[in-house]
Amino acid sequence: MLEGFLTNASETYAYAYFGSVLVVALVEWAVPRRTPADMLGLRWSNNFAISLLNTLVVRAAFPVATIAWATLCAQHGWGLLNAVNWPSSIGVLVTIVALDLVVYTQHYLLHRIPMLWRLYRTHHI
């Protein structure tokens, strides 16, 4: 199963990403939390621009940095997954949960720290 996911990771990501965008758009249309106004187009164009910029940065910088860091950690035996002898499926699960926790914490801090909120609130216009 893991090999199949890794083989089709880009395709799976694209379906998940664009499917999520479609679901959010449909929910926002069907059950709006605010009155649709002239800001709707601006909000969606801002969100798509931020998403495009984020994707470009993430696709360019993070893969290189991640591979370099993982290689360094593997060479030195650093990290929890290098210290335990777990099956790879458990390692993948622990990694997904840890990454989700990091993303949740980041999102929480973006809403709570005033300087970060000023940058992030364009997402909520």
N, C-alpha and C. Protein backbone atom coordinates (compact mmCIF):
# COMPACT_ATOMS: atom_id res chain seq x y z
N MET A 1 0.82 -1.19 0.00
CA MET A 1 0.00 0.00 0.00
C MET A 1 0.87 1.27 0.00
N LEU A 2 1.90 1.30 0.85
CA LEU A 2 2.77 2.46 0.93
C LEU A 2 3.50 2.69 -0.39
N GLU A 3 3.94 1.62 -1.03
CA GLU A 3 4.63 1.76 -2.32
C GLU A 3 3.71 2.36 -3.36
N GLY A 4 2.43 1.91 -3.37
CA GLY A 4 1.46 2.45 -4.31
C GLY A 4 1.21 3.93 -4.08
N PHE A 5 1.14 4.33 -2.82
CA PHE A 5 0.96 5.74 -2.51
C PHE A 5 2.17 6.55 -2.97
N LEU A 6 3.36 6.06 -2.67
CA LEU A 6 4.57 6.80 -3.05
C LEU A 6 4.73 6.88 -4.56
N THR A 7 4.32 5.84 -5.26
CA THR A 7 4.41 5.85 -6.72
C THR A 7 3.48 6.90 -7.32
N ASN A 8 2.31 7.06 -6.72
CA ASN A 8 1.31 8.00 -7.24
C ASN A 8 1.13 9.20 -6.32
N ALA A 9 2.15 9.60 -5.59
CA ALA A 9 2.02 10.66 -4.59
C ALA A 9 1.59 11.98 -5.21
N SER A 10 2.17 12.37 -6.33
CA SER A 10 1.81 13.65 -6.96
C SER A 10 0.35 13.66 -7.39
N GLU A 11 -0.07 12.57 -7.99
CA GLU A 11 -1.46 12.48 -8.44
C GLU A 11 -2.41 12.49 -7.24
N THR A 12 -2.07 11.74 -6.21
CA THR A 12 -2.90 11.70 -5.00
C THR A 12 -2.98 13.08 -4.36
N TYR A 13 -1.85 13.77 -4.30
CA TYR A 13 -1.82 15.12 -3.73
C TYR A 13 -2.71 16.06 -4.55
N ALA A 14 -2.61 15.99 -5.87
CA ALA A 14 -3.41 16.87 -6.72
C ALA A 14 -4.90 16.62 -6.52
N TYR A 15 -5.30 15.36 -6.49
CA TYR A 15 -6.71 15.05 -6.25
C TYR A 15 -7.16 15.55 -4.88
N ALA A 16 -6.35 15.33 -3.87
CA ALA A 16 -6.71 15.76 -2.52
C ALA A 16 -6.79 17.28 -2.44
N TYR A 17 -5.81 17.98 -3.03
CA TYR A 17 -5.77 19.44 -2.97
C TYR A 17 -6.95 20.06 -3.71
N PHE A 18 -7.10 19.70 -4.98
CA PHE A 18 -8.16 20.31 -5.77
C PHE A 18 -9.54 19.82 -5.32
N GLY A 19 -9.62 18.61 -4.82
CA GLY A 19 -10.87 18.13 -4.26
C GLY A 19 -11.25 18.93 -3.02
N SER A 20 -10.27 19.24 -2.18
CA SER A 20 -10.52 20.06 -0.99
C SER A 20 -10.98 21.46 -1.38
N VAL A 21 -10.33 22.05 -2.37
CA VAL A 21 -10.72 23.38 -2.83
C VAL A 21 -12.16 23.35 -3.34
N LEU A 22 -12.51 22.34 -4.10
CA LEU A 22 -13.86 22.20 -4.63
C LEU A 22 -14.88 22.03 -3.50
N VAL A 23 -14.57 21.18 -2.53
CA VAL A 23 -15.48 20.97 -1.40
C VAL A 23 -15.67 22.26 -0.61
N VAL A 24 -14.59 22.97 -0.33
CA VAL A 24 -14.69 24.23 0.42
C VAL A 24 -15.51 25.25 -0.36
N ALA A 25 -15.29 25.35 -1.67
CA ALA A 25 -16.06 26.29 -2.49
C ALA A 25 -17.54 25.94 -2.48
N LEU A 26 -17.86 24.67 -2.58
CA LEU A 26 -19.26 24.26 -2.57
C LEU A 26 -19.91 24.51 -1.21
N VAL A 27 -19.19 24.23 -0.14
CA VAL A 27 -19.73 24.49 1.20
C VAL A 27 -19.90 25.98 1.42
N GLU A 28 -18.92 26.78 0.99
CA GLU A 28 -19.02 28.23 1.14
C GLU A 28 -20.20 28.78 0.34
N TRP A 29 -20.47 28.20 -0.79
CA TRP A 29 -21.61 28.62 -1.61
C TRP A 29 -22.93 28.19 -0.97
N ALA A 30 -22.99 26.94 -0.50
CA ALA A 30 -24.24 26.39 0.03
C ALA A 30 -24.57 26.93 1.42
N VAL A 31 -23.56 27.09 2.27
CA VAL A 31 -23.78 27.53 3.65
C VAL A 31 -22.78 28.63 3.97
N PRO A 32 -23.00 29.84 3.44
CA PRO A 32 -22.02 30.91 3.68
C PRO A 32 -22.04 31.36 5.13
N ARG A 33 -20.85 31.63 5.66
CA ARG A 33 -20.74 32.14 7.03
C ARG A 33 -20.81 33.65 7.07
N ARG A 34 -20.70 34.29 5.92
CA ARG A 34 -20.87 35.74 5.82
C ARG A 34 -21.60 36.05 4.53
N THR A 35 -22.12 37.23 4.44
CA THR A 35 -22.89 37.61 3.26
C THR A 35 -21.99 37.70 2.05
N PRO A 36 -22.33 36.99 0.97
CA PRO A 36 -21.51 37.12 -0.24
C PRO A 36 -21.59 38.56 -0.73
N ALA A 37 -20.45 39.16 -0.90
CA ALA A 37 -20.39 40.54 -1.36
C ALA A 37 -19.31 40.66 -2.43
N ASP A 38 -18.92 41.87 -2.69
CA ASP A 38 -17.86 42.10 -3.67
C ASP A 38 -16.53 41.50 -3.22
N MET A 39 -16.40 41.24 -1.91
CA MET A 39 -15.15 40.72 -1.37
C MET A 39 -14.92 39.25 -1.73
N LEU A 40 -15.95 38.55 -2.16
CA LEU A 40 -15.79 37.12 -2.45
C LEU A 40 -14.74 36.88 -3.53
N GLY A 41 -14.81 37.61 -4.62
CA GLY A 41 -13.81 37.47 -5.68
C GLY A 41 -12.41 37.83 -5.22
N LEU A 42 -12.32 38.90 -4.43
CA LEU A 42 -11.02 39.32 -3.89
C LEU A 42 -10.47 38.26 -2.95
N ARG A 43 -11.33 37.72 -2.09
CA ARG A 43 -10.89 36.69 -1.15
C ARG A 43 -10.38 35.45 -1.88
N TRP A 44 -11.12 35.00 -2.90
CA TRP A 44 -10.69 33.80 -3.63
C TRP A 44 -9.42 34.07 -4.44
N SER A 45 -9.31 35.25 -5.06
CA SER A 45 -8.08 35.54 -5.81
C SER A 45 -6.88 35.66 -4.87
N ASN A 46 -7.07 36.27 -3.69
CA ASN A 46 -5.98 36.34 -2.69
C ASN A 46 -5.58 34.94 -2.24
N ASN A 47 -6.57 34.10 -1.95
CA ASN A 47 -6.26 32.75 -1.50
C ASN A 47 -5.52 31.95 -2.57
N PHE A 48 -5.93 32.08 -3.83
CA PHE A 48 -5.24 31.36 -4.89
C PHE A 48 -3.82 31.90 -5.10
N ALA A 49 -3.64 33.22 -5.00
CA ALA A 49 -2.30 33.79 -5.15
C ALA A 49 -1.38 33.33 -4.03
N ILE A 50 -1.89 33.35 -2.80
CA ILE A 50 -1.10 32.89 -1.66
C ILE A 50 -0.78 31.40 -1.82
N SER A 51 -1.75 30.64 -2.25
CA SER A 51 -1.54 29.20 -2.45
C SER A 51 -0.49 28.94 -3.53
N LEU A 52 -0.55 29.70 -4.62
CA LEU A 52 0.43 29.54 -5.70
C LEU A 52 1.83 29.88 -5.20
N LEU A 53 1.97 31.00 -4.52
CA LEU A 53 3.27 31.39 -3.98
C LEU A 53 3.78 30.35 -2.98
N ASN A 54 2.90 29.91 -2.10
CA ASN A 54 3.26 28.90 -1.12
C ASN A 54 3.72 27.61 -1.81
N THR A 55 2.99 27.19 -2.82
CA THR A 55 3.34 25.96 -3.54
C THR A 55 4.69 26.10 -4.22
N LEU A 56 4.94 27.24 -4.84
CA LEU A 56 6.24 27.44 -5.50
C LEU A 56 7.39 27.40 -4.50
N VAL A 57 7.22 28.08 -3.38
CA VAL A 57 8.27 28.09 -2.35
C VAL A 57 8.45 26.70 -1.78
N VAL A 58 7.34 26.06 -1.45
CA VAL A 58 7.41 24.72 -0.85
C VAL A 58 8.04 23.74 -1.83
N ARG A 59 7.65 23.79 -3.09
CA ARG A 59 8.18 22.86 -4.09
C ARG A 59 9.66 23.11 -4.39
N ALA A 60 10.12 24.34 -4.24
CA ALA A 60 11.51 24.65 -4.56
C ALA A 60 12.44 24.44 -3.37
N ALA A 61 12.08 24.97 -2.22
CA ALA A 61 13.00 25.01 -1.09
C ALA A 61 12.92 23.79 -0.18
N PHE A 62 11.72 23.40 0.19
CA PHE A 62 11.57 22.36 1.19
C PHE A 62 12.07 20.98 0.78
N PRO A 63 11.86 20.55 -0.45
CA PRO A 63 12.39 19.22 -0.78
C PRO A 63 13.91 19.14 -0.63
N VAL A 64 14.60 20.15 -1.08
CA VAL A 64 16.07 20.15 -0.98
C VAL A 64 16.49 20.18 0.49
N ALA A 65 15.88 21.07 1.26
CA ALA A 65 16.24 21.18 2.67
C ALA A 65 15.87 19.90 3.44
N THR A 66 14.74 19.32 3.12
CA THR A 66 14.30 18.11 3.81
C THR A 66 15.22 16.94 3.54
N ILE A 67 15.58 16.75 2.30
CA ILE A 67 16.47 15.64 1.94
C ILE A 67 17.84 15.83 2.57
N ALA A 68 18.33 17.07 2.54
CA ALA A 68 19.63 17.34 3.16
C ALA A 68 19.59 17.07 4.66
N TRP A 69 18.53 17.53 5.33
CA TRP A 69 18.41 17.32 6.77
C TRP A 69 18.25 15.84 7.09
N ALA A 70 17.42 15.13 6.35
CA ALA A 70 17.21 13.70 6.59
C ALA A 70 18.51 12.92 6.40
N THR A 71 19.29 13.28 5.39
CA THR A 71 20.57 12.61 5.15
C THR A 71 21.53 12.86 6.31
N LEU A 72 21.60 14.09 6.76
CA LEU A 72 22.47 14.43 7.89
C LEU A 72 22.04 13.66 9.15
N CYS A 73 20.73 13.62 9.41
CA CYS A 73 20.22 12.90 10.59
C CYS A 73 20.51 11.40 10.49
N ALA A 74 20.34 10.84 9.31
CA ALA A 74 20.60 9.40 9.13
C ALA A 74 22.08 9.10 9.33
N GLN A 75 22.96 9.96 8.84
CA GLN A 75 24.39 9.75 9.00
C GLN A 75 24.82 9.79 10.46
N HIS A 76 24.18 10.66 11.24
CA HIS A 76 24.55 10.81 12.65
C HIS A 76 23.66 10.01 13.59
N GLY A 77 22.63 9.36 13.06
CA GLY A 77 21.73 8.58 13.89
C GLY A 77 20.83 9.43 14.78
N TRP A 78 20.59 10.67 14.36
CA TRP A 78 19.74 11.57 15.13
C TRP A 78 18.27 11.26 14.88
N GLY A 79 17.44 11.59 15.84
CA GLY A 79 16.00 11.52 15.64
C GLY A 79 15.37 10.28 16.24
N LEU A 80 14.11 10.41 16.58
CA LEU A 80 13.36 9.32 17.21
C LEU A 80 13.31 8.09 16.32
N LEU A 81 13.03 8.27 15.04
CA LEU A 81 12.87 7.12 14.16
C LEU A 81 14.19 6.42 13.86
N ASN A 82 15.30 7.07 14.12
CA ASN A 82 16.59 6.40 14.00
C ASN A 82 16.96 5.67 15.29
N ALA A 83 16.28 6.01 16.39
CA ALA A 83 16.61 5.41 17.68
C ALA A 83 15.74 4.20 18.03
N VAL A 84 14.65 4.02 17.31
CA VAL A 84 13.73 2.92 17.62
C VAL A 84 13.70 1.94 16.44
N ASN A 85 13.30 0.74 16.75
CA ASN A 85 13.22 -0.29 15.71
C ASN A 85 11.75 -0.63 15.46
N TRP A 86 11.03 0.33 14.86
CA TRP A 86 9.62 0.16 14.55
C TRP A 86 9.43 -0.26 13.11
N PRO A 87 8.34 -0.91 12.80
CA PRO A 87 8.02 -1.16 11.39
C PRO A 87 7.83 0.18 10.66
N SER A 88 8.09 0.19 9.38
CA SER A 88 8.00 1.46 8.64
C SER A 88 6.59 2.03 8.66
N SER A 89 5.56 1.18 8.74
CA SER A 89 4.19 1.70 8.77
C SER A 89 3.95 2.53 10.03
N ILE A 90 4.51 2.11 11.17
CA ILE A 90 4.39 2.88 12.41
C ILE A 90 5.16 4.19 12.28
N GLY A 91 6.33 4.14 11.66
CA GLY A 91 7.11 5.35 11.44
C GLY A 91 6.37 6.36 10.58
N VAL A 92 5.70 5.88 9.54
CA VAL A 92 4.91 6.77 8.67
C VAL A 92 3.77 7.38 9.47
N LEU A 93 3.07 6.58 10.25
CA LEU A 93 1.96 7.08 11.06
C LEU A 93 2.43 8.13 12.07
N VAL A 94 3.52 7.85 12.76
CA VAL A 94 4.07 8.82 13.73
C VAL A 94 4.45 10.12 13.02
N THR A 95 5.05 10.00 11.84
CA THR A 95 5.45 11.18 11.08
C THR A 95 4.24 12.01 10.66
N ILE A 96 3.19 11.36 10.18
CA ILE A 96 1.98 12.08 9.76
C ILE A 96 1.35 12.80 10.94
N VAL A 97 1.22 12.12 12.06
CA VAL A 97 0.63 12.75 13.25
C VAL A 97 1.49 13.93 13.72
N ALA A 98 2.81 13.75 13.73
CA ALA A 98 3.70 14.83 14.16
C ALA A 98 3.60 16.03 13.22
N LEU A 99 3.58 15.78 11.92
CA LEU A 99 3.47 16.88 10.96
C LEU A 99 2.12 17.59 11.09
N ASP A 100 1.05 16.84 11.29
CA ASP A 100 -0.26 17.46 11.50
C ASP A 100 -0.26 18.32 12.75
N LEU A 101 0.38 17.85 13.81
CA LEU A 101 0.47 18.64 15.04
C LEU A 101 1.25 19.93 14.80
N VAL A 102 2.32 19.85 14.04
CA VAL A 102 3.11 21.05 13.72
C VAL A 102 2.27 22.04 12.91
N VAL A 103 1.54 21.55 11.91
CA VAL A 103 0.70 22.43 11.09
C VAL A 103 -0.41 23.05 11.94
N TYR A 104 -1.02 22.26 12.82
CA TYR A 104 -2.06 22.80 13.71
C TYR A 104 -1.47 23.90 14.61
N THR A 105 -0.30 23.64 15.18
CA THR A 105 0.35 24.63 16.05
C THR A 105 0.68 25.90 15.27
N GLN A 106 1.18 25.73 14.05
CA GLN A 106 1.48 26.89 13.21
C GLN A 106 0.20 27.70 12.97
N HIS A 107 -0.89 27.04 12.62
CA HIS A 107 -2.14 27.73 12.35
C HIS A 107 -2.64 28.45 13.61
N TYR A 108 -2.53 27.80 14.74
CA TYR A 108 -2.93 28.40 16.01
C TYR A 108 -2.12 29.68 16.27
N LEU A 109 -0.81 29.59 16.09
CA LEU A 109 0.05 30.75 16.34
C LEU A 109 -0.20 31.88 15.34
N LEU A 110 -0.52 31.53 14.09
CA LEU A 110 -0.83 32.56 13.09
C LEU A 110 -2.05 33.37 13.51
N HIS A 111 -2.97 32.76 14.23
CA HIS A 111 -4.15 33.47 14.70
C HIS A 111 -3.92 34.21 16.01
N ARG A 112 -2.96 33.80 16.81
CA ARG A 112 -2.79 34.34 18.16
C ARG A 112 -1.69 35.39 18.30
N ILE A 113 -0.67 35.37 17.46
CA ILE A 113 0.44 36.33 17.57
C ILE A 113 0.14 37.50 16.63
N PRO A 114 -0.01 38.71 17.17
CA PRO A 114 -0.46 39.85 16.37
C PRO A 114 0.33 40.08 15.08
N MET A 115 1.65 40.04 15.14
CA MET A 115 2.44 40.27 13.92
C MET A 115 2.16 39.20 12.86
N LEU A 116 2.07 37.94 13.28
CA LEU A 116 1.78 36.86 12.34
C LEU A 116 0.35 36.97 11.82
N TRP A 117 -0.58 37.39 12.68
CA TRP A 117 -1.97 37.53 12.25
C TRP A 117 -2.08 38.58 11.15
N ARG A 118 -1.33 39.69 11.25
CA ARG A 118 -1.39 40.72 10.22
C ARG A 118 -0.98 40.17 8.86
N LEU A 119 -0.02 39.27 8.84
CA LEU A 119 0.39 38.65 7.59
C LEU A 119 -0.62 37.60 7.11
N TYR A 120 -1.15 36.86 8.05
CA TYR A 120 -2.01 35.73 7.72
C TYR A 120 -3.46 36.12 7.42
N ARG A 121 -3.90 37.26 7.94
CA ARG A 121 -5.32 37.60 7.81
C ARG A 121 -5.75 37.83 6.37
N THR A 122 -4.82 38.05 5.44
CA THR A 122 -5.22 38.16 4.04
C THR A 122 -5.95 36.90 3.59
N HIS A 123 -5.64 35.78 4.22
CA HIS A 123 -6.31 34.52 3.93
C HIS A 123 -7.77 34.57 4.35
N HIS A 124 -8.09 35.43 5.33
CA HIS A 124 -9.44 35.48 5.87
C HIS A 124 -10.26 36.68 5.39
N ILE A 125 -9.74 37.44 4.44
CA ILE A 125 -10.47 38.62 3.93
C ILE A 125 -11.77 38.16 3.30
